[in-house]
Amino acid sequence: MQMWHKRENGTMIEFTIVTDPPEALYWMTYKLKVSDIRLITKVPKEDKTHIRREIHEEIVARERAPHTDTVSKKRKGTVRDNAKARRKQQETG
């Protein structure tokens, strides 16, 4: 799967993600590493690590934050609702 990353200076970098095993790309529990990112666009050697870190930070920021927020809000809501229902049941009955 080939993807594109737009840098701050406007240049487009083509890259792909190579995981071991390949199915790990689709796992929710897989922790993406900087070494999993392969640059297809030719860039100077000294810029490669910086660009790979940029891409990694962007991917991790997008993928992890929404997932954890949704789960924690959901858990807090159900615990409170169940506790309220239990109290009402105990008082009435």
Protein backbone atom coordinates (compact mmCIF):
# COMPACT_ATOMS: atom_id res chain seq x y z
CA MET A 1 0.00 0.00 0.00
CA GLN A 2 1.55 3.29 -1.08
CA MET A 3 0.77 6.54 0.70
CA TRP A 4 1.72 10.21 0.45
CA HIS A 5 2.91 12.71 3.05
CA LYS A 6 2.93 16.47 2.45
CA ARG A 7 5.75 18.23 4.26
CA GLU A 8 5.63 21.78 5.63
CA ASN A 9 7.65 23.08 2.67
CA GLY A 10 5.05 21.64 0.26
CA THR A 11 7.00 18.67 -1.11
CA MET A 12 5.19 15.35 -1.44
CA ILE A 13 6.88 12.21 -0.11
CA GLU A 14 5.68 8.79 -1.24
CA PHE A 15 6.04 6.02 1.34
CA THR A 16 4.78 2.59 2.28
CA ILE A 17 4.43 0.69 5.54
CA VAL A 18 6.07 -2.74 5.80
CA THR A 19 5.28 -4.73 8.94
CA ASP A 20 6.35 -8.18 10.08
CA PRO A 21 3.99 -10.04 9.79
CA PRO A 22 2.20 -8.17 6.98
CA GLU A 23 -1.21 -8.63 8.68
CA ALA A 24 -0.01 -6.50 11.60
CA LEU A 25 -0.82 -3.40 9.56
CA TYR A 26 -4.53 -4.07 10.25
CA TRP A 27 -4.27 -5.01 13.96
CA MET A 28 -5.60 -2.52 16.51
CA THR A 29 -2.97 -3.63 19.04
CA TYR A 30 0.09 -3.33 16.77
CA LYS A 31 2.43 -0.52 17.76
CA LEU A 32 3.81 1.08 14.59
CA LYS A 33 7.59 1.64 14.60
CA VAL A 34 9.60 4.21 12.68
CA SER A 35 11.51 1.33 11.07
CA ASP A 36 8.24 0.05 9.51
CA ILE A 37 8.05 3.14 7.29
CA ARG A 38 9.83 2.85 3.93
CA LEU A 39 10.36 5.92 1.77
CA ILE A 40 9.80 5.43 -1.95
CA THR A 41 10.65 9.01 -2.95
CA LYS A 42 14.40 9.59 -3.26
CA VAL A 43 15.63 11.93 -0.52
CA PRO A 44 19.11 12.66 0.86
CA LYS A 45 20.29 10.14 3.44
CA GLU A 46 20.55 12.72 6.23
CA ASP A 47 16.86 13.68 5.75
CA LYS A 48 15.45 10.14 5.70
CA THR A 49 15.28 9.59 9.46
CA HIS A 50 13.76 13.02 10.05
CA ILE A 51 11.06 12.44 7.41
CA ARG A 52 10.29 8.93 8.71
CA ARG A 53 9.87 10.32 12.24
CA GLU A 54 7.58 13.07 10.91
CA ILE A 55 5.38 10.51 9.18
CA HIS A 56 5.38 8.22 12.23
CA GLU A 57 4.33 11.03 14.60
CA GLU A 58 1.52 12.07 12.27
CA ILE A 59 0.16 8.53 11.96
CA VAL A 60 0.34 7.80 15.69
CA ALA A 61 -1.34 11.11 16.57
CA ARG A 62 -4.26 10.36 14.25
CA GLU A 63 -4.73 6.71 15.12
CA ARG A 64 -4.40 6.51 18.90
CA ALA A 65 -6.11 9.60 20.33
CA PRO A 66 -9.71 9.18 19.09
CA HIS A 67 -9.82 5.49 20.00
CA THR A 68 -8.82 5.93 23.64
CA ASP A 69 -11.12 8.94 24.20
CA THR A 70 -14.17 7.07 22.94
CA VAL A 71 -13.56 4.03 25.10
CA SER A 72 -12.97 5.94 28.33
CA LYS A 73 -16.10 8.11 27.88
CA LYS A 74 -18.19 5.04 27.14
CA ARG A 75 -16.98 3.24 30.27
CA LYS A 76 -17.59 6.21 32.54
CA GLY A 77 -21.12 6.63 31.22
CA THR A 78 -22.23 3.02 31.69
CA VAL A 79 -20.78 2.69 35.19
CA ARG A 80 -22.65 5.76 36.39
CA ASP A 81 -25.92 4.71 34.76
CA ASN A 82 -25.76 1.24 36.30
CA ALA A 83 -24.96 2.64 39.74
CA LYS A 84 -27.93 5.05 39.57
CA ALA A 85 -30.29 2.28 38.49
CA ARG A 86 -29.07 0.04 41.33
CA ARG A 87 -29.61 2.78 43.92
CA LYS A 88 -33.14 3.44 42.72
CA GLN A 89 -33.93 -0.27 42.81
CA GLN A 90 -32.55 -0.60 46.35
CA GLU A 91 -34.54 2.42 47.59
CA THR A 92 -37.84 1.26 46.13
CA GLY A 93 -37.50 -2.27 46.83
